[in-house]
C-alpha atoms as a PDB file:
ATOM      1  CA  MET A   1     -22.641   3.191  45.231  1.00  0.00           C
ATOM      2  CA  LYS A   2     -20.129   0.144  44.124  1.00  0.00           C
ATOM      3  CA  GLU A   3     -19.108  -0.768  48.016  1.00  0.00           C
ATOM      4  CA  LEU A   4     -23.145  -0.715  48.754  1.00  0.00           C
ATOM      5  CA  TYR A   5     -23.564  -3.169  45.906  1.00  0.00           C
ATOM      6  CA  GLU A   6     -21.008  -5.471  47.050  1.00  0.00           C
ATOM      7  CA  ARG A   7     -21.917  -5.170  50.721  1.00  0.00           C
ATOM      8  CA  TYR A   8     -25.603  -6.131  50.120  1.00  0.00           C
ATOM      9  CA  LYS A   9     -25.993  -8.498  46.787  1.00  0.00           C
ATOM     10  CA  CYS A  10     -25.934 -11.522  48.914  1.00  0.00           C
ATOM     11  CA  CYS A  11     -29.106 -10.628  50.884  1.00  0.00           C
ATOM     12  CA  VAL A  12     -31.131  -9.945  47.513  1.00  0.00           C
ATOM     13  CA  VAL A  13     -33.164 -12.896  46.410  1.00  0.00           C
ATOM     14  CA  GLN A  14     -34.989 -13.737  43.168  1.00  0.00           C
ATOM     15  CA  ILE A  15     -38.633 -14.380  43.554  1.00  0.00           C
ATOM     16  CA  THR A  16     -40.702 -16.368  40.715  1.00  0.00           C
ATOM     17  CA  VAL A  17     -44.332 -16.948  40.760  1.00  0.00           C
ATOM     18  CA  ARG A  18     -47.083 -18.339  38.559  1.00  0.00           C
ATOM     19  CA  THR A  19     -49.817 -15.722  38.147  1.00  0.00           C
ATOM     20  CA  GLN A  20     -53.716 -16.508  38.523  1.00  0.00           C
ATOM     21  CA  VAL A  21     -53.521 -16.939  34.488  1.00  0.00           C
ATOM     22  CA  GLY A  22     -50.325 -19.744  34.653  1.00  0.00           C
ATOM     23  CA  ASP A  23     -47.959 -17.060  33.401  1.00  0.00           C
ATOM     24  CA  LEU A  24     -44.492 -17.208  35.251  1.00  0.00           C
ATOM     25  CA  ALA A  25     -43.260 -13.616  36.721  1.00  0.00           C
ATOM     26  CA  THR A  26     -39.994 -12.997  38.363  1.00  0.00           C
ATOM     27  CA  GLU A  27     -39.576 -10.361  40.806  1.00  0.00           C
ATOM     28  CA  THR A  28     -37.072  -9.183  44.000  1.00  0.00           C
ATOM     29  CA  GLY A  29     -36.930  -9.577  47.383  1.00  0.00           C
ATOM     30  CA  PHE A  30     -34.121  -9.203  50.356  1.00  0.00           C
ATOM     31  CA  HIS A  31     -33.377 -10.308  53.396  1.00  0.00           C
ATOM     32  CA  ILE A  32     -33.808  -8.345  56.725  1.00  0.00           C
ATOM     33  CA  GLY A  33     -32.627 -11.001  59.116  1.00  0.00           C
ATOM     34  CA  ASP A  34     -33.619 -14.099  60.897  1.00  0.00           C
ATOM     35  CA  GLY A  35     -34.723 -15.460  57.459  1.00  0.00           C
ATOM     36  CA  TYR A  36     -37.432 -12.986  56.889  1.00  0.00           C
ATOM     37  CA  ILE A  37     -37.403 -11.499  53.344  1.00  0.00           C
ATOM     38  CA  VAL A  38     -39.440  -8.565  52.523  1.00  0.00           C
ATOM     39  CA  THR A  39     -40.863  -8.024  48.820  1.00  0.00           C
ATOM     40  CA  ALA A  40     -43.818  -6.069  47.093  1.00  0.00           C
ATOM     41  CA  ARG A  41     -47.367  -7.304  48.281  1.00  0.00           C
ATOM     42  CA  HIS A  42     -48.385  -7.448  44.622  1.00  0.00           C
ATOM     43  CA  VAL A  43     -45.202  -9.693  43.895  1.00  0.00           C
ATOM     44  CA  VAL A  44     -46.799 -12.744  45.778  1.00  0.00           C
ATOM     45  CA  GLU A  45     -50.474 -12.301  46.710  1.00  0.00           C
ATOM     46  CA  GLY A  46     -52.681 -14.203  44.800  1.00  0.00           C
ATOM     47  CA  HIS A  47     -49.726 -16.022  43.000  1.00  0.00           C
ATOM     48  CA  SER A  48     -48.446 -19.367  43.769  1.00  0.00           C
ATOM     49  CA  ILE A  49     -44.786 -19.024  44.464  1.00  0.00           C
ATOM     50  CA  GLU A  50     -42.658 -21.188  42.601  1.00  0.00           C
ATOM     51  CA  SER A  51     -39.220 -20.372  43.895  1.00  0.00           C
ATOM     52  CA  VAL A  52     -37.165 -18.073  46.050  1.00  0.00           C
ATOM     53  CA  ALA A  53     -33.408 -18.053  45.485  1.00  0.00           C
ATOM     54  CA  ARG A  54     -30.273 -16.214  45.585  1.00  0.00           C
ATOM     55  CA  SER A  55     -27.806 -15.768  42.589  1.00  0.00           C
ATOM     56  CA  ASN A  56     -25.627 -18.714  42.250  1.00  0.00           C
ATOM     57  CA  SER A  57     -27.519 -20.883  44.477  1.00  0.00           C
ATOM     58  CA  SER A  58     -28.949 -24.020  43.344  1.00  0.00           C
ATOM     59  CA  ARG A  59     -30.844 -24.025  46.886  1.00  0.00           C
ATOM     60  CA  ASN A  60     -34.488 -23.126  46.894  1.00  0.00           C
ATOM     61  CA  VAL A  61     -35.603 -21.027  50.088  1.00  0.00           C
ATOM     62  CA  ALA A  62     -38.559 -22.702  52.088  1.00  0.00           C
ATOM     63  CA  ILE A  63     -41.526 -20.373  52.865  1.00  0.00           C
ATOM     64  CA  LYS A  64     -42.907 -20.981  56.247  1.00  0.00           C
ATOM     65  CA  ASN A  65     -45.296 -17.987  56.390  1.00  0.00           C
ATOM     66  CA  ILE A  66     -46.138 -14.817  54.757  1.00  0.00           C
ATOM     67  CA  PHE A  67     -47.476 -11.653  56.485  1.00  0.00           C
ATOM     68  CA  TYR A  68     -49.200  -8.966  55.071  1.00  0.00           C
ATOM     69  CA  PRO A  69     -50.471  -5.582  56.421  1.00  0.00           C
ATOM     70  CA  SER A  70     -54.153  -5.225  57.440  1.00  0.00           C
ATOM     71  CA  SER A  71     -54.273  -2.461  54.987  1.00  0.00           C
ATOM     72  CA  SER A  72     -54.312  -3.753  51.328  1.00  0.00           C
ATOM     73  CA  LYS A  73     -53.272  -0.011  50.292  1.00  0.00           C
ATOM     74  CA  ILE A  74     -49.567  -0.759  51.766  1.00  0.00           C
ATOM     75  CA  ASP A  75     -47.725  -2.779  49.055  1.00  0.00           C
ATOM     76  CA  LEU A  76     -45.853  -5.045  51.486  1.00  0.00           C
ATOM     77  CA  ALA A  77     -45.282  -8.514  52.175  1.00  0.00           C
ATOM     78  CA  VAL A  78     -42.834 -10.137  54.797  1.00  0.00           C
ATOM     79  CA  LEU A  79     -42.091 -14.317  53.912  1.00  0.00           C
ATOM     80  CA  GLU A  80     -40.717 -16.363  57.181  1.00  0.00           C
ATOM     81  CA  THR A  81     -38.334 -18.396  55.337  1.00  0.00           C
ATOM     82  CA  ASP A  82     -35.500 -20.750  56.424  1.00  0.00           C
ATOM     83  CA  PHE A  83     -33.233 -18.421  54.012  1.00  0.00           C
ATOM     84  CA  SER A  84     -29.369 -18.186  55.625  1.00  0.00           C
ATOM     85  CA  LEU A  85     -26.332 -16.631  54.954  1.00  0.00           C
ATOM     86  CA  ASP A  86     -24.160 -18.735  57.569  1.00  0.00           C
ATOM     87  CA  HIS A  87     -22.318 -20.310  55.347  1.00  0.00           C
ATOM     88  CA  TYR A  88     -21.269 -17.087  53.454  1.00  0.00           C
ATOM     89  CA  LEU A  89     -20.560 -15.713  56.993  1.00  0.00           C
ATOM     90  CA  GLU A  90     -18.267 -18.450  57.966  1.00  0.00           C
ATOM     91  CA  LYS A  91     -16.820 -20.252  55.303  1.00  0.00           C
ATOM     92  CA  THR A  92     -16.235 -17.259  53.054  1.00  0.00           C
ATOM     93  CA  THR A  93     -13.313 -14.768  53.565  1.00  0.00           C
ATOM     94  CA  ILE A  94     -12.956 -11.741  51.372  1.00  0.00           C
ATOM     95  CA  ILE A  95      -9.753  -9.915  51.525  1.00  0.00           C
ATOM     96  CA  GLU A  96      -9.552  -6.054  50.666  1.00  0.00           C
ATOM     97  CA  ASP A  97      -6.211  -4.370  51.191  1.00  0.00           C
ATOM     98  CA  GLY A  98      -4.633  -7.356  53.211  1.00  0.00           C
ATOM     99  CA  LYS A  99      -7.332  -7.343  55.875  1.00  0.00           C
ATOM    100  CA  PRO A 100     -10.570  -9.604  55.662  1.00  0.00           C
ATOM    101  CA  LYS A 101     -13.545  -7.225  54.594  1.00  0.00           C
ATOM    102  CA  GLU A 102     -16.747  -7.480  56.687  1.00  0.00           C
ATOM    103  CA  LYS A 103     -19.714  -9.155  55.555  1.00  0.00           C
ATOM    104  CA  VAL A 104     -23.552  -8.654  56.227  1.00  0.00           C
ATOM    105  CA  ASP A 105     -26.438 -11.145  56.067  1.00  0.00           C
ATOM    106  CA  ARG A 106     -29.076  -8.344  56.020  1.00  0.00           C
ATOM    107  CA  ILE A 107     -30.063  -5.544  54.627  1.00  0.00           C
ATOM    108  CA  PRO A 108     -30.603  -2.630  57.442  1.00  0.00           C
ATOM    109  CA  LEU A 109     -33.479  -1.224  57.538  1.00  0.00           C
ATOM    110  CA  GLY A 110     -33.705   2.788  57.801  1.00  0.00           C
ATOM    111  CA  SER A 111     -34.926   4.561  60.624  1.00  0.00           C
ATOM    112  CA  HIS A 112     -36.526   7.567  58.987  1.00  0.00           C
ATOM    113  CA  LEU A 113     -40.140   8.119  59.710  1.00  0.00           C
ATOM    114  CA  ASP A 114     -42.795   9.286  57.710  1.00  0.00           C
ATOM    115  CA  ASP A 115     -43.516  12.546  60.022  1.00  0.00           C
ATOM    116  CA  TRP A 116     -40.008  14.340  59.387  1.00  0.00           C
ATOM    117  CA  ILE A 117     -39.445  13.346  55.678  1.00  0.00           C
ATOM    118  CA  GLY A 118     -39.161  16.545  53.565  1.00  0.00           C
ATOM    119  CA  ASP A 119     -36.839  17.347  50.991  1.00  0.00           C
ATOM    120  CA  GLU A 120     -33.705  16.494  52.578  1.00  0.00           C
ATOM    121  CA  LEU A 121     -33.208  13.338  50.467  1.00  0.00           C
ATOM    122  CA  VAL A 122     -33.644  15.174  47.281  1.00  0.00           C
ATOM    123  CA  LEU A 123     -30.775  14.500  45.092  1.00  0.00           C
ATOM    124  CA  SER A 124     -29.091  12.291  47.229  1.00  0.00           C
ATOM    125  CA  ARG A 125     -27.754   8.628  45.337  1.00  0.00           C
ATOM    126  CA  VAL A 126     -29.342   5.311  45.841  1.00  0.00           C
ATOM    127  CA  VAL A 127     -28.673   1.908  44.077  1.00  0.00           C
ATOM    128  CA  ALA A 128     -31.758  -0.430  43.321  1.00  0.00           C
ATOM    129  CA  PHE A 129     -31.307  -4.044  43.014  1.00  0.00           C
ATOM    130  CA  GLY A 130     -33.447  -6.582  41.068  1.00  0.00           C
ATOM    131  CA  TYR A 131     -34.001  -9.263  38.443  1.00  0.00           C
ATOM    132  CA  PRO A 132     -35.153  -7.727  35.300  1.00  0.00           C
ATOM    133  CA  LYS A 133     -35.632  -9.986  32.190  1.00  0.00           C
ATOM    134  CA  ILE A 134     -32.495  -9.200  29.836  1.00  0.00           C
ATOM    135  CA  PRO A 135     -33.303  -9.996  26.313  1.00  0.00           C
ATOM    136  CA  LEU A 136     -30.870 -12.679  25.113  1.00  0.00           C
ATOM    137  CA  SER A 137     -29.754 -13.809  28.362  1.00  0.00           C
ATOM    138  CA  LYS A 138     -30.210 -17.362  29.210  1.00  0.00           C
ATOM    139  CA  GLU A 139     -31.133 -16.578  32.957  1.00  0.00           C
ATOM    140  CA  TYR A 140     -32.256 -13.779  35.432  1.00  0.00           C
ATOM    141  CA  VAL A 141     -28.875 -12.090  36.872  1.00  0.00           C
ATOM    142  CA  LEU A 142     -28.980  -9.763  39.747  1.00  0.00           C
ATOM    143  CA  VAL A 143     -28.956  -5.848  38.349  1.00  0.00           C
ATOM    144  CA  ALA A 144     -27.853  -2.769  40.159  1.00  0.00           C
ATOM    145  CA  VAL A 145     -28.961   0.459  39.045  1.00  0.00           C
ATOM    146  CA  GLN A 146     -27.715   3.558  40.218  1.00  0.00           C
ATOM    147  CA  GLY A 147     -29.830   6.836  40.700  1.00  0.00           C
ATOM    148  CA  GLU A 148     -30.966   9.631  42.444  1.00  0.00           C
ATOM    149  CA  ILE A 149     -33.870  10.726  44.636  1.00  0.00           C
ATOM    150  CA  ASN A 150     -35.833  13.363  42.569  1.00  0.00           C
ATOM    151  CA  ALA A 151     -38.595  14.447  44.742  1.00  0.00           C
ATOM    152  CA  VAL A 152     -40.975  13.179  47.739  1.00  0.00           C
ATOM    153  CA  ILE A 153     -44.392  12.845  47.199  1.00  0.00           C
ATOM    154  CA  ASP A 154     -47.730  11.811  49.207  1.00  0.00           C
ATOM    155  CA  LYS A 155     -49.757   9.605  46.755  1.00  0.00           C
ATOM    156  CA  TYR A 156     -53.345  10.488  47.265  1.00  0.00           C
ATOM    157  CA  SER A 157     -54.304   6.560  47.262  1.00  0.00           C
ATOM    158  CA  ASN A 158     -51.491   5.892  50.099  1.00  0.00           C
ATOM    159  CA  PRO A 159     -50.741   7.520  53.448  1.00  0.00           C
ATOM    160  CA  HIS A 160     -46.905   7.091  53.213  1.00  0.00           C
ATOM    161  CA  PRO A 161     -44.305   9.136  51.425  1.00  0.00           C
ATOM    162  CA  HIS A 162     -43.025   7.924  48.295  1.00  0.00           C
ATOM    163  CA  PHE A 163     -39.725   8.442  46.964  1.00  0.00           C
ATOM    164  CA  VAL A 164     -39.278   9.475  42.996  1.00  0.00           C
ATOM    165  CA  ILE A 165     -36.152   8.302  42.022  1.00  0.00           C
ATOM    166  CA  SER A 166     -34.444   8.649  38.403  1.00  0.00           C
ATOM    167  CA  SER A 167     -33.753   4.930  37.692  1.00  0.00           C
ATOM    168  CA  ILE A 168     -37.289   3.878  37.173  1.00  0.00           C
ATOM    169  CA  ALA A 169     -38.771   0.749  38.429  1.00  0.00           C
ATOM    170  CA  LYS A 170     -39.208  -1.893  35.846  1.00  0.00           C
ATOM    171  CA  GLU A 171     -40.860  -5.367  36.002  1.00  0.00           C
ATOM    172  CA  GLY A 172     -38.107  -7.507  37.793  1.00  0.00           C
ATOM    173  CA  PHE A 173     -36.987  -4.750  40.170  1.00  0.00           C
ATOM    174  CA  PHE A 174     -40.643  -4.672  42.078  1.00  0.00           C
ATOM    175  CA  GLY A 175     -40.076  -5.614  45.646  1.00  0.00           C
ATOM    176  CA  GLY A 176     -36.126  -5.246  45.680  1.00  0.00           C
ATOM    177  CA  PRO A 177     -34.432  -2.701  47.745  1.00  0.00           C
ATOM    178  CA  VAL A 178     -33.611   0.573  46.943  1.00  0.00           C
ATOM    179  CA  ILE A 179     -30.485   1.574  49.495  1.00  0.00           C
ATOM    180  CA  SER A 180     -29.251   5.183  50.249  1.00  0.00           C
ATOM    181  CA  GLU A 181     -25.807   6.243  49.802  1.00  0.00           C
ATOM    182  CA  TYR A 182     -25.799   6.871  53.595  1.00  0.00           C
ATOM    183  CA  ASP A 183     -26.036   3.010  53.749  1.00  0.00           C
ATOM    184  CA  PHE A 184     -29.741   2.388  54.936  1.00  0.00           C
ATOM    185  CA  LEU A 185     -32.638   0.716  53.083  1.00  0.00           C
ATOM    186  CA  LEU A 186     -34.604   3.916  51.660  1.00  0.00           C
ATOM    187  CA  VAL A 187     -37.573   1.794  50.303  1.00  0.00           C
ATOM    188  CA  PHE A 188     -38.326  -0.919  48.044  1.00  0.00           C
ATOM    189  CA  CYS A 189     -39.217  -0.440  44.386  1.00  0.00           C
ATOM    190  CA  GLN A 190     -42.722  -0.276  43.164  1.00  0.00           C
ATOM    191  CA  SER A 191     -43.995   1.129  39.723  1.00  0.00           C
ATOM    192  CA  ALA A 192     -45.297   5.088  40.143  1.00  0.00           C
ATOM    193  CA  ILE A 193     -48.317   3.866  38.569  1.00  0.00           C
ATOM    194  CA  ASP A 194     -49.464   1.232  40.940  1.00  0.00           C
ATOM    195  CA  GLY A 195     -51.937   2.001  43.670  1.00  0.00           C
END
């Protein structure tokens, strides 16, 4: 799981929004390639986006467009941005066991489909990424949580299967990636109590 964290941590971004009542909220998104960042719809819809940035980067990502599915029941948003990891890919070398380590600039999407998901993944491990508020910390930092899939459910309010994972999604993790031990994006975090 540590290897998955090291591989994908640079692809995870902190999204700070101003809510309709004026409060600031921080959640998570992740890069899927070509500047596109995925997050949960409820993270950005109806809010003013204050910033989108990587850990340890002072550069704010510019948003060009936001896409939502036609059904409001699907808690998904795709941000078209100028996000790029070109500098990291070209100028950073990580040596492991005397050899340059492979770097990635995106989190690969899973190829699992709704029509075949049963309980095959139950008790397999996952790692979830997020930017939760940590008491007494002066800044938000990327947090990784290891868990396992406990069940696959069909919600009455949504036509797609949902994975119940042992590490419960909390504020700051919403919209962040959950990556399977088999090295693909399983889902992104959303609360079990959301619609």
